[in-house]
Amino acid sequence: QVQLVESGGGLVQAGGSLRLSCAASGSIFRINALGWYRQAPGKQRELVATMPSGTIPNYADSVKGRFTISRDSGKNMVYLQMNSLKPEDTAVYYCNADRVVMLSSEIVLEVWGQGTLVTVSS
């Protein structure tokens, strides 16, 4: 079916930067939206940024001006450039694909990656 694989997490000091990447694989015709979510210890998973196909991206208020989502639709990849990182950005970051149209015309409503840990030290 569809697999999402994230990379780029790690340990960084406050004020630093990281770039996350997510690659979608499978017999994909089109992906409606690709995005990033995160889950900090003891908290619920929350939206970070999403990028629907052909429209402008959406960002959580907490990351506006610091994070930038970008998408390479030809390669079915999505990226998250994270600048001015804060300790409160520490979380497992998950890639999400919303409404994946397969070459077979099957529609997969939602796919999640396995997550990549981002740790920001103070």
C-alpha atoms as a PDB file:
ATOM      1  CA  GLN A   1       0.000   0.000   0.000  1.00  0.00           C
ATOM      2  CA  VAL A   2       1.416   3.362   1.052  1.00  0.00           C
ATOM      3  CA  GLN A   3       4.367   3.883   3.340  1.00  0.00           C
ATOM      4  CA  LEU A   4       5.683   7.111   4.814  1.00  0.00           C
ATOM      5  CA  VAL A   5       9.250   7.234   6.076  1.00  0.00           C
ATOM      6  CA  GLU A   6      10.523  10.216   8.031  1.00  0.00           C
ATOM      7  CA  SER A   7      14.123  11.240   8.561  1.00  0.00           C
ATOM      8  CA  GLY A   8      16.091  14.166   9.919  1.00  0.00           C
ATOM      9  CA  GLY A   9      15.232  14.173  13.603  1.00  0.00           C
ATOM     10  CA  GLY A  10      17.832  14.489  16.305  1.00  0.00           C
ATOM     11  CA  LEU A  11      19.179  16.546  19.177  1.00  0.00           C
ATOM     12  CA  VAL A  12      19.706  20.269  18.743  1.00  0.00           C
ATOM     13  CA  GLN A  13      20.280  23.205  21.043  1.00  0.00           C
ATOM     14  CA  ALA A  14      17.673  25.890  21.497  1.00  0.00           C
ATOM     15  CA  GLY A  15      17.882  28.390  18.658  1.00  0.00           C
ATOM     16  CA  GLY A  16      19.169  25.781  16.251  1.00  0.00           C
ATOM     17  CA  SER A  17      17.651  24.306  13.125  1.00  0.00           C
ATOM     18  CA  LEU A  18      16.648  20.916  11.776  1.00  0.00           C
ATOM     19  CA  ARG A  19      15.121  19.762   8.530  1.00  0.00           C
ATOM     20  CA  LEU A  20      12.750  16.828   8.481  1.00  0.00           C
ATOM     21  CA  SER A  21      12.026  14.845   5.352  1.00  0.00           C
ATOM     22  CA  CYS A  22       9.248  12.403   4.573  1.00  0.00           C
ATOM     23  CA  ALA A  23       9.104  10.107   1.574  1.00  0.00           C
ATOM     24  CA  ALA A  24       5.884   8.446   0.468  1.00  0.00           C
ATOM     25  CA  SER A  25       6.196   5.185  -1.428  1.00  0.00           C
ATOM     26  CA  GLY A  26       3.759   2.859  -3.120  1.00  0.00           C
ATOM     27  CA  SER A  27       1.685   2.839  -6.271  1.00  0.00           C
ATOM     28  CA  ILE A  28       0.569   6.419  -5.749  1.00  0.00           C
ATOM     29  CA  PHE A  29      -1.277   8.500  -8.291  1.00  0.00           C
ATOM     30  CA  ARG A  30      -1.871  11.584  -6.177  1.00  0.00           C
ATOM     31  CA  ILE A  31      -1.785  12.715  -2.562  1.00  0.00           C
ATOM     32  CA  ASN A  32      -4.279  15.349  -1.504  1.00  0.00           C
ATOM     33  CA  ALA A  33      -2.364  16.732   1.435  1.00  0.00           C
ATOM     34  CA  LEU A  34       0.931  16.032   3.142  1.00  0.00           C
ATOM     35  CA  GLY A  35       1.712  17.352   6.557  1.00  0.00           C
ATOM     36  CA  TRP A  36       3.472  17.126   9.864  1.00  0.00           C
ATOM     37  CA  TYR A  37       2.090  16.489  13.308  1.00  0.00           C
ATOM     38  CA  ARG A  38       3.889  16.119  16.630  1.00  0.00           C
ATOM     39  CA  GLN A  39       3.325  14.500  19.972  1.00  0.00           C
ATOM     40  CA  ALA A  40       5.180  15.592  23.060  1.00  0.00           C
ATOM     41  CA  PRO A  41       5.432  13.327  26.123  1.00  0.00           C
ATOM     42  CA  GLY A  42       2.157  13.243  27.982  1.00  0.00           C
ATOM     43  CA  LYS A  43       0.367  15.327  25.358  1.00  0.00           C
ATOM     44  CA  GLN A  44      -1.959  14.665  22.476  1.00  0.00           C
ATOM     45  CA  ARG A  45      -0.785  14.648  18.889  1.00  0.00           C
ATOM     46  CA  GLU A  46      -1.144  18.089  17.358  1.00  0.00           C
ATOM     47  CA  LEU A  47      -0.955  19.645  13.934  1.00  0.00           C
ATOM     48  CA  VAL A  48       2.315  21.364  13.036  1.00  0.00           C
ATOM     49  CA  ALA A  49       1.824  22.163   9.356  1.00  0.00           C
ATOM     50  CA  THR A  50      -0.028  20.800   6.372  1.00  0.00           C
ATOM     51  CA  MET A  51       0.275  21.432   2.681  1.00  0.00           C
ATOM     52  CA  PRO A  52      -2.730  20.500   0.572  1.00  0.00           C
ATOM     53  CA  SER A  53      -2.084  20.048  -3.120  1.00  0.00           C
ATOM     54  CA  GLY A  54      -2.329  23.336  -5.000  1.00  0.00           C
ATOM     55  CA  THR A  55      -3.090  25.529  -2.002  1.00  0.00           C
ATOM     56  CA  ILE A  56      -1.209  27.470   0.605  1.00  0.00           C
ATOM     57  CA  PRO A  57       0.138  25.716   3.679  1.00  0.00           C
ATOM     58  CA  ASN A  58      -1.403  25.817   7.138  1.00  0.00           C
ATOM     59  CA  TYR A  59       0.656  26.238  10.291  1.00  0.00           C
ATOM     60  CA  ALA A  60       0.012  25.920  13.980  1.00  0.00           C
ATOM     61  CA  ASP A  61       0.255  29.304  15.653  1.00  0.00           C
ATOM     62  CA  SER A  62       3.104  28.039  17.806  1.00  0.00           C
ATOM     63  CA  VAL A  63       5.385  27.475  14.795  1.00  0.00           C
ATOM     64  CA  LYS A  64       4.392  30.313  12.460  1.00  0.00           C
ATOM     65  CA  GLY A  65       7.414  32.298  11.365  1.00  0.00           C
ATOM     66  CA  ARG A  66       9.816  29.576  12.510  1.00  0.00           C
ATOM     67  CA  PHE A  67       8.845  26.468  10.551  1.00  0.00           C
ATOM     68  CA  THR A  68       8.387  26.112   6.810  1.00  0.00           C
ATOM     69  CA  ILE A  69       6.695  23.200   5.092  1.00  0.00           C
ATOM     70  CA  SER A  70       7.476  22.406   1.487  1.00  0.00           C
ATOM     71  CA  ARG A  71       6.438  19.687  -0.871  1.00  0.00           C
ATOM     72  CA  ASP A  72       7.844  18.003  -3.949  1.00  0.00           C
ATOM     73  CA  SER A  73       4.758  16.478  -5.496  1.00  0.00           C
ATOM     74  CA  GLY A  74       6.745  14.861  -8.291  1.00  0.00           C
ATOM     75  CA  LYS A  75       8.713  12.845  -5.756  1.00  0.00           C
ATOM     76  CA  ASN A  76       5.899  12.466  -3.194  1.00  0.00           C
ATOM     77  CA  MET A  77       8.031  14.089  -0.553  1.00  0.00           C
ATOM     78  CA  VAL A  78       7.363  16.674   2.110  1.00  0.00           C
ATOM     79  CA  TYR A  79       9.843  18.614   4.184  1.00  0.00           C
ATOM     80  CA  LEU A  80       9.731  20.629   7.368  1.00  0.00           C
ATOM     81  CA  GLN A  81      12.412  23.240   7.905  1.00  0.00           C
ATOM     82  CA  MET A  82      12.507  24.109  11.586  1.00  0.00           C
ATOM     83  CA  ASN A  83      14.383  27.218  12.680  1.00  0.00           C
ATOM     84  CA  SER A  84      14.723  28.985  16.018  1.00  0.00           C
ATOM     85  CA  LEU A  85      13.864  25.755  17.786  1.00  0.00           C
ATOM     86  CA  LYS A  86      12.652  25.907  21.365  1.00  0.00           C
ATOM     87  CA  PRO A  87      12.649  23.245  24.094  1.00  0.00           C
ATOM     88  CA  GLU A  88       8.865  23.124  23.803  1.00  0.00           C
ATOM     89  CA  ASP A  89       9.285  21.889  20.226  1.00  0.00           C
ATOM     90  CA  THR A  90      10.617  18.614  21.636  1.00  0.00           C
ATOM     91  CA  ALA A  91       8.357  15.828  20.388  1.00  0.00           C
ATOM     92  CA  VAL A  92       8.025  12.901  18.052  1.00  0.00           C
ATOM     93  CA  TYR A  93       7.206  14.337  14.648  1.00  0.00           C
ATOM     94  CA  TYR A  94       4.920  12.333  12.383  1.00  0.00           C
ATOM     95  CA  CYS A  95       4.406  12.658   8.667  1.00  0.00           C
ATOM     96  CA  ASN A  96       0.809  12.384   7.478  1.00  0.00           C
ATOM     97  CA  ALA A  97      -0.722  11.798   4.072  1.00  0.00           C
ATOM     98  CA  ASP A  98      -4.372  12.679   3.696  1.00  0.00           C
ATOM     99  CA  ARG A  99      -6.458  11.062   0.956  1.00  0.00           C
ATOM    100  CA  VAL A 100      -4.043   9.108  -1.190  1.00  0.00           C
ATOM    101  CA  VAL A 101      -5.339   8.130  -4.627  1.00  0.00           C
ATOM    102  CA  MET A 102      -3.635   4.943  -5.797  1.00  0.00           C
ATOM    103  CA  LEU A 103      -2.916   3.984  -9.403  1.00  0.00           C
ATOM    104  CA  SER A 104      -5.622   1.359  -9.010  1.00  0.00           C
ATOM    105  CA  SER A 105      -8.081   4.213  -8.202  1.00  0.00           C
ATOM    106  CA  GLU A 106      -8.341   2.958  -4.640  1.00  0.00           C
ATOM    107  CA  ILE A 107      -8.411   5.775  -2.121  1.00  0.00           C
ATOM    108  CA  VAL A 108      -6.514   5.478   1.136  1.00  0.00           C
ATOM    109  CA  LEU A 109      -7.917   8.032   3.518  1.00  0.00           C
ATOM    110  CA  GLU A 110      -5.001   8.527   5.891  1.00  0.00           C
ATOM    111  CA  VAL A 111      -1.457   7.247   6.326  1.00  0.00           C
ATOM    112  CA  TRP A 112       1.010   7.918   9.132  1.00  0.00           C
ATOM    113  CA  GLY A 113       4.749   7.528   9.291  1.00  0.00           C
ATOM    114  CA  GLN A 114       6.526   5.898  12.195  1.00  0.00           C
ATOM    115  CA  GLY A 115       7.732   9.203  13.610  1.00  0.00           C
ATOM    116  CA  THR A 116      11.082  10.836  14.173  1.00  0.00           C
ATOM    117  CA  LEU A 117      12.211  12.261  17.495  1.00  0.00           C
ATOM    118  CA  VAL A 118      13.239  15.891  17.778  1.00  0.00           C
ATOM    119  CA  THR A 119      14.850  16.926  21.039  1.00  0.00           C
ATOM    120  CA  VAL A 120      15.666  20.571  21.729  1.00  0.00           C
ATOM    121  CA  SER A 121      17.928  21.215  24.688  1.00  0.00           C
ATOM    122  CA  SER A 122      17.899  24.475  26.610  1.00  0.00           C
END
